[in-house]
PDB file of N, CA and C in Angstrom:
ATOM      1  N   MET A   1       2.924  22.848 -33.390  1.00  0.00           N
ATOM      2  CA  MET A   1       1.855  23.034 -32.427  1.00  0.00           C
ATOM      3  C   MET A   1       1.221  21.699 -32.037  1.00  0.00           C
ATOM      4  N   ILE A   2       1.049  20.817 -33.003  1.00  0.00           N
ATOM      5  CA  ILE A   2       0.457  19.515 -32.697  1.00  0.00           C
ATOM      6  C   ILE A   2       1.395  18.711 -31.798  1.00  0.00           C
ATOM      7  N   GLY A   3       2.694  18.831 -32.008  1.00  0.00           N
ATOM      8  CA  GLY A   3       3.665  18.128 -31.174  1.00  0.00           C
ATOM      9  C   GLY A   3       3.587  18.586 -29.723  1.00  0.00           C
ATOM     10  N   ALA A   4       3.430  19.871 -29.494  1.00  0.00           N
ATOM     11  CA  ALA A   4       3.327  20.412 -28.138  1.00  0.00           C
ATOM     12  C   ALA A   4       2.045  19.939 -27.465  1.00  0.00           C
ATOM     13  N   ARG A   5       0.957  19.893 -28.211  1.00  0.00           N
ATOM     14  CA  ARG A   5      -0.319  19.433 -27.659  1.00  0.00           C
ATOM     15  C   ARG A   5      -0.221  17.959 -27.276  1.00  0.00           C
ATOM     16  N   ARG A   6       0.388  17.172 -28.127  1.00  0.00           N
ATOM     17  CA  ARG A   6       0.550  15.740 -27.837  1.00  0.00           C
ATOM     18  C   ARG A   6       1.443  15.534 -26.615  1.00  0.00           C
ATOM     19  N   LEU A   7       2.507  16.313 -26.507  1.00  0.00           N
ATOM     20  CA  LEU A   7       3.402  16.221 -25.354  1.00  0.00           C
ATOM     21  C   LEU A   7       2.657  16.589 -24.075  1.00  0.00           C
ATOM     22  N   TRP A   8       1.852  17.658 -24.122  1.00  0.00           N
ATOM     23  CA  TRP A   8       1.075  18.086 -22.961  1.00  0.00           C
ATOM     24  C   TRP A   8       0.068  17.004 -22.562  1.00  0.00           C
ATOM     25  N   THR A   9      -0.616  16.421 -23.528  1.00  0.00           N
ATOM     26  CA  THR A   9      -1.589  15.359 -23.258  1.00  0.00           C
ATOM     27  C   THR A   9      -0.913  14.148 -22.638  1.00  0.00           C
ATOM     28  N   THR A  10       0.221  13.761 -23.149  1.00  0.00           N
ATOM     29  CA  THR A  10       0.969  12.614 -22.614  1.00  0.00           C
ATOM     30  C   THR A  10       1.422  12.888 -21.189  1.00  0.00           C
ATOM     31  N   ALA A  11       1.911  14.099 -20.933  1.00  0.00           N
ATOM     32  CA  ALA A  11       2.365  14.451 -19.584  1.00  0.00           C
ATOM     33  C   ALA A  11       1.198  14.416 -18.598  1.00  0.00           C
ATOM     34  N   CYS A  12       0.051  14.949 -18.984  1.00  0.00           N
ATOM     35  CA  CYS A  12      -1.122  14.939 -18.098  1.00  0.00           C
ATOM     36  C   CYS A  12      -1.598  13.521 -17.833  1.00  0.00           C
ATOM     37  N   LEU A  13      -1.643  12.694 -18.860  1.00  0.00           N
ATOM     38  CA  LEU A  13      -2.066  11.309 -18.708  1.00  0.00           C
ATOM     39  C   LEU A  13      -1.103  10.542 -17.803  1.00  0.00           C
ATOM     40  N   THR A  14       0.182  10.758 -17.960  1.00  0.00           N
ATOM     41  CA  THR A  14       1.182  10.112 -17.110  1.00  0.00           C
ATOM     42  C   THR A  14       1.004  10.536 -15.656  1.00  0.00           C
ATOM     43  N   PHE A  15       0.755  11.808 -15.423  1.00  0.00           N
ATOM     44  CA  PHE A  15       0.549  12.296 -14.065  1.00  0.00           C
ATOM     45  C   PHE A  15      -0.684  11.655 -13.430  1.00  0.00           C
ATOM     46  N   VAL A  16      -1.777  11.621 -14.156  1.00  0.00           N
ATOM     47  CA  VAL A  16      -3.014  11.041 -13.627  1.00  0.00           C
ATOM     48  C   VAL A  16      -2.814   9.562 -13.316  1.00  0.00           C
ATOM     49  N   LEU A  17      -2.180   8.821 -14.198  1.00  0.00           N
ATOM     50  CA  LEU A  17      -1.935   7.398 -13.954  1.00  0.00           C
ATOM     51  C   LEU A  17      -1.011   7.181 -12.761  1.00  0.00           C
ATOM     52  N   SER A  18      -0.048   8.059 -12.577  1.00  0.00           N
ATOM     53  CA  SER A  18       0.848   7.954 -11.420  1.00  0.00           C
ATOM     54  C   SER A  18       0.080   8.172 -10.125  1.00  0.00           C
ATOM     55  N   VAL A  19      -0.780   9.164 -10.105  1.00  0.00           N
ATOM     56  CA  VAL A  19      -1.571   9.444  -8.904  1.00  0.00           C
ATOM     57  C   VAL A  19      -2.485   8.267  -8.586  1.00  0.00           C
ATOM     58  N   VAL A  20      -3.115   7.703  -9.596  1.00  0.00           N
ATOM     59  CA  VAL A  20      -4.004   6.558  -9.387  1.00  0.00           C
ATOM     60  C   VAL A  20      -3.222   5.363  -8.873  1.00  0.00           C
ATOM     61  N   SER A  21      -2.070   5.085  -9.441  1.00  0.00           N
ATOM     62  CA  SER A  21      -1.287   3.924  -8.989  1.00  0.00           C
ATOM     63  C   SER A  21      -0.750   4.130  -7.583  1.00  0.00           C
ATOM     64  N   VAL A  22      -0.404   5.359  -7.205  1.00  0.00           N
ATOM     65  CA  VAL A  22       0.040   5.635  -5.835  1.00  0.00           C
ATOM     66  C   VAL A  22      -1.109   5.373  -4.865  1.00  0.00           C
ATOM     67  N   GLY A  23      -2.292   5.823  -5.209  1.00  0.00           N
ATOM     68  CA  GLY A  23      -3.456   5.598  -4.353  1.00  0.00           C
ATOM     69  C   GLY A  23      -3.773   4.134  -4.184  1.00  0.00           C
ATOM     70  N   CYS A  24      -3.627   3.362  -5.240  1.00  0.00           N
ATOM     71  CA  CYS A  24      -3.923   1.930  -5.162  1.00  0.00           C
ATOM     72  C   CYS A  24      -2.830   1.169  -4.412  1.00  0.00           C
ATOM     73  N   ALA A  25      -1.603   1.588  -4.571  1.00  0.00           N
ATOM     74  CA  ALA A  25      -0.486   0.843  -3.998  1.00  0.00           C
ATOM     75  C   ALA A  25      -0.260   1.152  -2.529  1.00  0.00           C
ATOM     76  N   THR A  26      -0.776   2.250  -2.036  1.00  0.00           N
ATOM     77  CA  THR A  26      -0.524   2.610  -0.644  1.00  0.00           C
ATOM     78  C   THR A  26      -1.750   2.352   0.225  1.00  0.00           C
ATOM     79  N   ARG A  27      -2.442   1.304  -0.051  1.00  0.00           N
ATOM     80  CA  ARG A  27      -3.643   0.951   0.707  1.00  0.00           C
ATOM     81  C   ARG A  27      -3.258   0.536   2.125  1.00  0.00           C
ATOM     82  N   GLN A  28      -3.926   1.143   3.106  1.00  0.00           N
ATOM     83  CA  GLN A  28      -3.688   0.807   4.504  1.00  0.00           C
ATOM     84  C   GLN A  28      -5.029   0.607   5.179  1.00  0.00           C
ATOM     85  N   VAL A  29      -5.279  -0.614   5.630  1.00  0.00           N
ATOM     86  CA  VAL A  29      -6.614  -0.984   6.104  1.00  0.00           C
ATOM     87  C   VAL A  29      -6.526  -1.906   7.307  1.00  0.00           C
ATOM     88  N   VAL A  30      -7.438  -1.719   8.255  1.00  0.00           N
ATOM     89  CA  VAL A  30      -7.666  -2.685   9.331  1.00  0.00           C
ATOM     90  C   VAL A  30      -9.123  -3.114   9.187  1.00  0.00           C
ATOM     91  N   GLN A  31      -9.344  -4.400   8.925  1.00  0.00           N
ATOM     92  CA  GLN A  31     -10.684  -4.899   8.661  1.00  0.00           C
ATOM     93  C   GLN A  31     -11.063  -5.972   9.678  1.00  0.00           C
ATOM     94  N   GLU A  32     -12.255  -5.841  10.238  1.00  0.00           N
ATOM     95  CA  GLU A  32     -12.754  -6.810  11.219  1.00  0.00           C
ATOM     96  C   GLU A  32     -13.155  -8.107  10.519  1.00  0.00           C
ATOM     97  N   ASP A  33     -12.754  -9.237  11.086  1.00  0.00           N
ATOM     98  CA  ASP A  33     -13.177 -10.561  10.630  1.00  0.00           C
ATOM     99  C   ASP A  33     -13.833 -11.232  11.833  1.00  0.00           C
ATOM    100  N   SER A  34     -15.073 -10.840  12.111  1.00  0.00           N
ATOM    101  CA  SER A  34     -15.738 -11.296  13.334  1.00  0.00           C
ATOM    102  C   SER A  34     -16.010 -12.794  13.334  1.00  0.00           C
ATOM    103  N   ALA A  35     -16.143 -13.420  12.176  1.00  0.00           N
ATOM    104  CA  ALA A  35     -16.387 -14.864  12.123  1.00  0.00           C
ATOM    105  C   ALA A  35     -15.196 -15.650  12.671  1.00  0.00           C
ATOM    106  N   ASN A  36     -13.997 -15.134  12.469  1.00  0.00           N
ATOM    107  CA  ASN A  36     -12.783 -15.806  12.945  1.00  0.00           C
ATOM    108  C   ASN A  36     -12.171 -15.130  14.161  1.00  0.00           C
ATOM    109  N   HIS A  37     -12.861 -14.125  14.727  1.00  0.00           N
ATOM    110  CA  HIS A  37     -12.407 -13.389  15.917  1.00  0.00           C
ATOM    111  C   HIS A  37     -10.993 -12.833  15.738  1.00  0.00           C
ATOM    112  N   ARG A  38     -10.821 -12.104  14.631  1.00  0.00           N
ATOM    113  CA  ARG A  38      -9.518 -11.490  14.366  1.00  0.00           C
ATOM    114  C   ARG A  38      -9.715 -10.262  13.481  1.00  0.00           C
ATOM    115  N   ARG A  39      -8.648  -9.510  13.342  1.00  0.00           N
ATOM    116  CA  ARG A  39      -8.626  -8.362  12.438  1.00  0.00           C
ATOM    117  C   ARG A  39      -7.563  -8.607  11.385  1.00  0.00           C
ATOM    118  N   GLU A  40      -7.881  -8.266  10.151  1.00  0.00           N
ATOM    119  CA  GLU A  40      -6.927  -8.374   9.049  1.00  0.00           C
ATOM    120  C   GLU A  40      -6.362  -6.982   8.774  1.00  0.00           C
ATOM    121  N   VAL A  41      -5.050  -6.919   8.597  1.00  0.00           N
ATOM    122  CA  VAL A  41      -4.362  -5.641   8.456  1.00  0.00           C
ATOM    123  C   VAL A  41      -3.574  -5.634   7.155  1.00  0.00           C
ATOM    124  N   GLU A  42      -3.634  -4.518   6.429  1.00  0.00           N
ATOM    125  CA  GLU A  42      -2.835  -4.320   5.217  1.00  0.00           C
ATOM    126  C   GLU A  42      -2.130  -2.986   5.324  1.00  0.00           C
ATOM    127  N   ALA A  43      -0.848  -2.950   4.944  1.00  0.00           N
ATOM    128  CA  ALA A  43      -0.086  -1.706   4.995  1.00  0.00           C
ATOM    129  C   ALA A  43       0.976  -1.700   3.911  1.00  0.00           C
ATOM    130  N   SER A  44       1.495  -0.525   3.599  1.00  0.00           N
ATOM    131  CA  SER A  44       2.571  -0.353   2.622  1.00  0.00           C
ATOM    132  C   SER A  44       3.714   0.410   3.279  1.00  0.00           C
ATOM    133  N   ALA A  45       4.939   0.059   2.909  1.00  0.00           N
ATOM    134  CA  ALA A  45       6.115   0.752   3.453  1.00  0.00           C
ATOM    135  C   ALA A  45       7.313   0.522   2.534  1.00  0.00           C
ATOM    136  N   TYR A  46       8.413   1.183   2.852  1.00  0.00           N
ATOM    137  CA  TYR A  46       9.618   1.079   2.036  1.00  0.00           C
ATOM    138  C   TYR A  46      10.488  -0.117   2.429  1.00  0.00           C
ATOM    139  N   THR A  47      10.268  -0.703   3.627  1.00  0.00           N
ATOM    140  CA  THR A  47      11.001  -1.896   4.066  1.00  0.00           C
ATOM    141  C   THR A  47      10.017  -2.860   4.723  1.00  0.00           C
ATOM    142  N   LEU A  48      10.414  -4.124   4.849  1.00  0.00           N
ATOM    143  CA  LEU A  48       9.567  -5.091   5.550  1.00  0.00           C
ATOM    144  C   LEU A  48       9.412  -4.719   7.016  1.00  0.00           C
ATOM    145  N   GLU A  49      10.492  -4.232   7.631  1.00  0.00           N
ATOM    146  CA  GLU A  49      10.426  -3.821   9.033  1.00  0.00           C
ATOM    147  C   GLU A  49       9.459  -2.650   9.200  1.00  0.00           C
ATOM    148  N   GLY A  50       9.518  -1.709   8.260  1.00  0.00           N
ATOM    149  CA  GLY A  50       8.603  -0.577   8.299  1.00  0.00           C
ATOM    150  C   GLY A  50       7.159  -1.011   8.123  1.00  0.00           C
ATOM    151  N   CYS A  51       6.962  -2.013   7.284  1.00  0.00           N
ATOM    152  CA  CYS A  51       5.620  -2.571   7.074  1.00  0.00           C
ATOM    153  C   CYS A  51       5.091  -3.169   8.374  1.00  0.00           C
ATOM    154  N   GLN A  52       5.943  -3.930   9.057  1.00  0.00           N
ATOM    155  CA  GLN A  52       5.538  -4.559  10.314  1.00  0.00           C
ATOM    156  C   GLN A  52       5.198  -3.502  11.357  1.00  0.00           C
ATOM    157  N   GLU A  53       6.043  -2.467  11.468  1.00  0.00           N
ATOM    158  CA  GLU A  53       5.795  -1.389  12.428  1.00  0.00           C
ATOM    159  C   GLU A  53       4.483  -0.669  12.138  1.00  0.00           C
ATOM    160  N   LYS A  54       4.222  -0.408  10.855  1.00  0.00           N
ATOM    161  CA  LYS A  54       3.003   0.293  10.481  1.00  0.00           C
ATOM    162  C   LYS A  54       1.771  -0.548  10.794  1.00  0.00           C
ATOM    163  N   MET A  55       1.831  -1.856  10.527  1.00  0.00           N
ATOM    164  CA  MET A  55       0.700  -2.733  10.838  1.00  0.00           C
ATOM    165  C   MET A  55       0.462  -2.789  12.344  1.00  0.00           C
ATOM    166  N   ASP A  56       1.539  -2.912  13.133  1.00  0.00           N
ATOM    167  CA  ASP A  56       1.406  -2.934  14.598  1.00  0.00           C
ATOM    168  C   ASP A  56       0.761  -1.651  15.107  1.00  0.00           C
ATOM    169  N   GLU A  57       1.194  -0.518  14.559  1.00  0.00           N
ATOM    170  CA  GLU A  57       0.659   0.774  14.979  1.00  0.00           C
ATOM    171  C   GLU A  57      -0.819   0.899  14.609  1.00  0.00           C
ATOM    172  N   MET A  58      -1.172   0.485  13.407  1.00  0.00           N
ATOM    173  CA  MET A  58      -2.564   0.599  12.959  1.00  0.00           C
ATOM    174  C   MET A  58      -3.493  -0.285  13.773  1.00  0.00           C
ATOM    175  N   ALA A  59      -3.040  -1.503  14.125  1.00  0.00           N
ATOM    176  CA  ALA A  59      -3.890  -2.461  14.832  1.00  0.00           C
ATOM    177  C   ALA A  59      -3.832  -2.278  16.343  1.00  0.00           C
ATOM    178  N   GLY A  60      -2.833  -1.568  16.836  1.00  0.00           N
ATOM    179  CA  GLY A  60      -2.709  -1.356  18.269  1.00  0.00           C
ATOM    180  C   GLY A  60      -2.207  -2.578  19.014  1.00  0.00           C
ATOM    181  N   GLY A  61      -1.402  -3.394  18.369  1.00  0.00           N
ATOM    182  CA  GLY A  61      -0.854  -4.596  18.990  1.00  0.00           C
ATOM    183  C   GLY A  61       0.096  -5.304  18.043  1.00  0.00           C
ATOM    184  N   GLN A  62       0.561  -6.471  18.454  1.00  0.00           N
ATOM    185  CA  GLN A  62       1.516  -7.237  17.660  1.00  0.00           C
ATOM    186  C   GLN A  62       0.790  -8.016  16.560  1.00  0.00           C
ATOM    187  N   VAL A  63       1.003  -7.623  15.323  1.00  0.00           N
ATOM    188  CA  VAL A  63       0.372  -8.251  14.158  1.00  0.00           C
ATOM    189  C   VAL A  63       1.280  -9.354  13.635  1.00  0.00           C
ATOM    190  N   GLN A  64       0.691 -10.496  13.305  1.00  0.00           N
ATOM    191  CA  GLN A  64       1.437 -11.598  12.695  1.00  0.00           C
ATOM    192  C   GLN A  64       1.370 -11.417  11.176  1.00  0.00           C
ATOM    193  N   MET A  65       2.533 -11.166  10.549  1.00  0.00           N
ATOM    194  CA  MET A  65       2.571 -10.968   9.105  1.00  0.00           C
ATOM    195  C   MET A  65       2.297 -12.298   8.412  1.00  0.00           C
ATOM    196  N   THR A  66       1.301 -12.298   7.517  1.00  0.00           N
ATOM    197  CA  THR A  66       0.940 -13.523   6.806  1.00  0.00           C
ATOM    198  C   THR A  66       1.432 -13.522   5.365  1.00  0.00           C
ATOM    199  N   GLY A  67       1.849 -12.371   4.873  1.00  0.00           N
ATOM    200  CA  GLY A  67       2.363 -12.308   3.507  1.00  0.00           C
ATOM    201  C   GLY A  67       2.776 -10.908   3.135  1.00  0.00           C
ATOM    202  N   HIS A  68       3.529 -10.817   2.059  1.00  0.00           N
ATOM    203  CA  HIS A  68       3.924  -9.510   1.538  1.00  0.00           C
ATOM    204  C   HIS A  68       4.208  -9.624   0.050  1.00  0.00           C
ATOM    205  N   GLU A  69       4.115  -8.494  -0.624  1.00  0.00           N
ATOM    206  CA  GLU A  69       4.438  -8.402  -2.042  1.00  0.00           C
ATOM    207  C   GLU A  69       5.426  -7.270  -2.214  1.00  0.00           C
ATOM    208  N   GLN A  70       6.321  -7.451  -3.168  1.00  0.00           N
ATOM    209  CA  GLN A  70       7.309  -6.425  -3.437  1.00  0.00           C
ATOM    210  C   GLN A  70       7.058  -5.891  -4.841  1.00  0.00           C
ATOM    211  N   ALA A  71       6.667  -4.630  -4.935  1.00  0.00           N
ATOM    212  CA  ALA A  71       6.345  -4.000  -6.210  1.00  0.00           C
ATOM    213  C   ALA A  71       7.413  -2.956  -6.537  1.00  0.00           C
ATOM    214  N   VAL A  72       8.626  -3.416  -6.799  1.00  0.00           N
ATOM    215  CA  VAL A  72       9.745  -2.502  -7.049  1.00  0.00           C
ATOM    216  C   VAL A  72       9.536  -1.716  -8.335  1.00  0.00           C
ATOM    217  N   LEU A  73       9.049  -2.378  -9.373  1.00  0.00           N
ATOM    218  CA  LEU A  73       8.870  -1.695 -10.653  1.00  0.00           C
ATOM    219  C   LEU A  73       7.879  -0.538 -10.528  1.00  0.00           C
ATOM    220  N   VAL A  74       6.775  -0.743  -9.845  1.00  0.00           N
ATOM    221  CA  VAL A  74       5.796   0.334  -9.639  1.00  0.00           C
ATOM    222  C   VAL A  74       6.433   1.472  -8.866  1.00  0.00           C
ATOM    223  N   SER A  75       7.221   1.141  -7.845  1.00  0.00           N
ATOM    224  CA  SER A  75       7.881   2.167  -7.046  1.00  0.00           C
ATOM    225  C   SER A  75       8.870   2.968  -7.890  1.00  0.00           C
ATOM    226  N   VAL A  76       9.644   2.286  -8.720  1.00  0.00           N
ATOM    227  CA  VAL A  76      10.625   2.965  -9.571  1.00  0.00           C
ATOM    228  C   VAL A  76       9.922   3.855 -10.588  1.00  0.00           C
ATOM    229  N   LEU A  77       8.860   3.338 -11.212  1.00  0.00           N
ATOM    230  CA  LEU A  77       8.140   4.126 -12.218  1.00  0.00           C
ATOM    231  C   LEU A  77       7.469   5.352 -11.612  1.00  0.00           C
ATOM    232  N   ASN A  78       7.170   5.310 -10.311  1.00  0.00           N
ATOM    233  CA  ASN A  78       6.578   6.460  -9.628  1.00  0.00           C
ATOM    234  C   ASN A  78       7.631   7.271  -8.881  1.00  0.00           C
ATOM    235  N   LEU A  79       8.882   7.135  -9.290  1.00  0.00           N
ATOM    236  CA  LEU A  79      10.004   7.899  -8.745  1.00  0.00           C
ATOM    237  C   LEU A  79      10.161   7.729  -7.238  1.00  0.00           C
ATOM    238  N   GLY A  80       9.846   6.543  -6.730  1.00  0.00           N
ATOM    239  CA  GLY A  80      10.028   6.242  -5.317  1.00  0.00           C
ATOM    240  C   GLY A  80       8.922   6.758  -4.416  1.00  0.00           C
ATOM    241  N   ILE A  81       7.877   7.343  -4.991  1.00  0.00           N
ATOM    242  CA  ILE A  81       6.774   7.856  -4.178  1.00  0.00           C
ATOM    243  C   ILE A  81       5.966   6.713  -3.596  1.00  0.00           C
ATOM    244  N   THR A  82       5.782   5.664  -4.369  1.00  0.00           N
ATOM    245  CA  THR A  82       5.006   4.502  -3.942  1.00  0.00           C
ATOM    246  C   THR A  82       5.905   3.546  -3.168  1.00  0.00           C
ATOM    247  N   PRO A  83       5.549   3.179  -1.949  1.00  0.00           N
ATOM    248  CA  PRO A  83       6.354   2.202  -1.203  1.00  0.00           C
ATOM    249  C   PRO A  83       6.354   0.848  -1.922  1.00  0.00           C
ATOM    250  N   PRO A  84       7.516   0.188  -2.008  1.00  0.00           N
ATOM    251  CA  PRO A  84       7.589  -1.068  -2.757  1.00  0.00           C
ATOM    252  C   PRO A  84       7.016  -2.283  -2.031  1.00  0.00           C
ATOM    253  N   TYR A  85       6.855  -2.238  -0.719  1.00  0.00           N
ATOM    254  CA  TYR A  85       6.351  -3.403   0.016  1.00  0.00           C
ATOM    255  C   TYR A  85       4.891  -3.215   0.401  1.00  0.00           C
ATOM    256  N   GLN A  86       4.096  -4.240   0.153  1.00  0.00           N
ATOM    257  CA  GLN A  86       2.694  -4.279   0.562  1.00  0.00           C
ATOM    258  C   GLN A  86       2.528  -5.533   1.413  1.00  0.00           C
ATOM    259  N   CYS A  87       2.171  -5.347   2.680  1.00  0.00           N
ATOM    260  CA  CYS A  87       2.135  -6.450   3.637  1.00  0.00           C
ATOM    261  C   CYS A  87       0.715  -6.725   4.129  1.00  0.00           C
ATOM    262  N   GLN A  88       0.465  -7.991   4.452  1.00  0.00           N
ATOM    263  CA  GLN A  88      -0.799  -8.411   5.039  1.00  0.00           C
ATOM    264  C   GLN A  88      -0.495  -9.146   6.332  1.00  0.00           C
ATOM    265  N   GLY A  89      -1.399  -9.004   7.298  1.00  0.00           N
ATOM    266  CA  GLY A  89      -1.222  -9.687   8.568  1.00  0.00           C
ATOM    267  C   GLY A  89      -2.541  -9.836   9.300  1.00  0.00           C
ATOM    268  N   ILE A  90      -2.492 -10.578  10.417  1.00  0.00           N
ATOM    269  CA  ILE A  90      -3.678 -10.776  11.251  1.00  0.00           C
ATOM    270  C   ILE A  90      -3.315 -10.547  12.711  1.00  0.00           C
ATOM    271  N   ILE A  91      -4.315 -10.171  13.490  1.00  0.00           N
ATOM    272  CA  ILE A  91      -4.156 -10.017  14.923  1.00  0.00           C
ATOM    273  C   ILE A  91      -5.445 -10.522  15.565  1.00  0.00           C
ATOM    274  N   ALA A  92      -5.302 -11.241  16.657  1.00  0.00           N
ATOM    275  CA  ALA A  92      -6.484 -11.768  17.366  1.00  0.00           C
ATOM    276  C   ALA A  92      -7.307 -10.600  17.889  1.00  0.00           C
ATOM    277  N   ASP A  93      -8.606 -10.693  17.737  1.00  0.00           N
ATOM    278  CA  ASP A  93      -9.514  -9.645  18.206  1.00  0.00           C
ATOM    279  C   ASP A  93      -9.749  -9.842  19.695  1.00  0.00           C
ATOM    280  N   THR A  94      -9.354  -8.853  20.496  1.00  0.00           N
ATOM    281  CA  THR A  94      -9.502  -8.962  21.949  1.00  0.00           C
ATOM    282  C   THR A  94     -10.888  -8.523  22.417  1.00  0.00           C
ATOM    283  N   LYS A  95     -11.672  -7.954  21.516  1.00  0.00           N
ATOM    284  CA  LYS A  95     -13.027  -7.497  21.858  1.00  0.00           C
ATOM    285  C   LYS A  95     -14.030  -8.567  21.471  1.00  0.00           C
ATOM    286  N   GLN A  96     -14.183  -9.589  22.273  1.00  0.00           N
ATOM    287  CA  GLN A  96     -15.101 -10.687  21.937  1.00  0.00           C
ATOM    288  C   GLN A  96     -16.337 -10.651  22.772  1.00  0.00           C
TER     289      GLN A  96
END
């Protein structure tokens, strides 16, 4: 009985940690940087091309990618639910 309880607790903890890591890894944001007259964009996707497309769609224009991170291990541990690429970019703010 104790073995079953421990297994259930471990399974629940693993599920909760997976959900939290998916939420953290799939951050998608467009943030105004009014001091520099631009918008900063962050997106997650399964490919670099997909990341670029998602950033362009979110910002409503052509975003210049300034960096990316590849989190393959997190993606594998979450059974491919979490996109492995996290990209950052900027776009000039046309509303000045």
